[in-house]
């Protein structure tokens, strides 16, 4: 502000076009400030888009890691990806805690190494909202249940939250596609 006051108090100096040096300096300062603000805003938008893109890629990789760990019954890997307070809603509507889910994988002898047990993602999209990411999509599940083979498609939604610098899955839901 003081710089503008001093500029206003300075005597006007006419240039060869009849204008004043004082008004040109003021216009240049305003233009410079506007350009700096526009540049900063552009950088902020670019950084946010870049960050969202990185987060989406990270969540897709974590989803793939979950699927691989599930397929190979790697409860240690799954345990590191799932939050302790996770709520898992199964395709039959039942709800499991993290401990119950990991115990069910350990107790299923056909889970590990079985060629019949598969979870194959068909599609996935990730939406990022700050420190929360929502992964939605469709997967195909194949396996044996009660001695009978099954193959079904299900729609899923997984919620990931960034906690202490690590992405953790805090909620998951699977719903059979009946049509």
Foldseek 3Di string as FASTA:
>chain_A
DVVLVVLVPDDFDQDPVRDTPSVVVVVVVVVVVVVVVVVVVVVVVVVVVVVFVVVFVVVVVLVVQCQVCQQQLVLVSLVVQADQQAWEQEQVRDIDGSVRVSVVSVPDPCRHPHPQFHKAFPDWGWDDDPQKIKIKGKIWTWHADPNRTDIFMWIKIWMWGQDPNDIHTRYMYIHTDDD
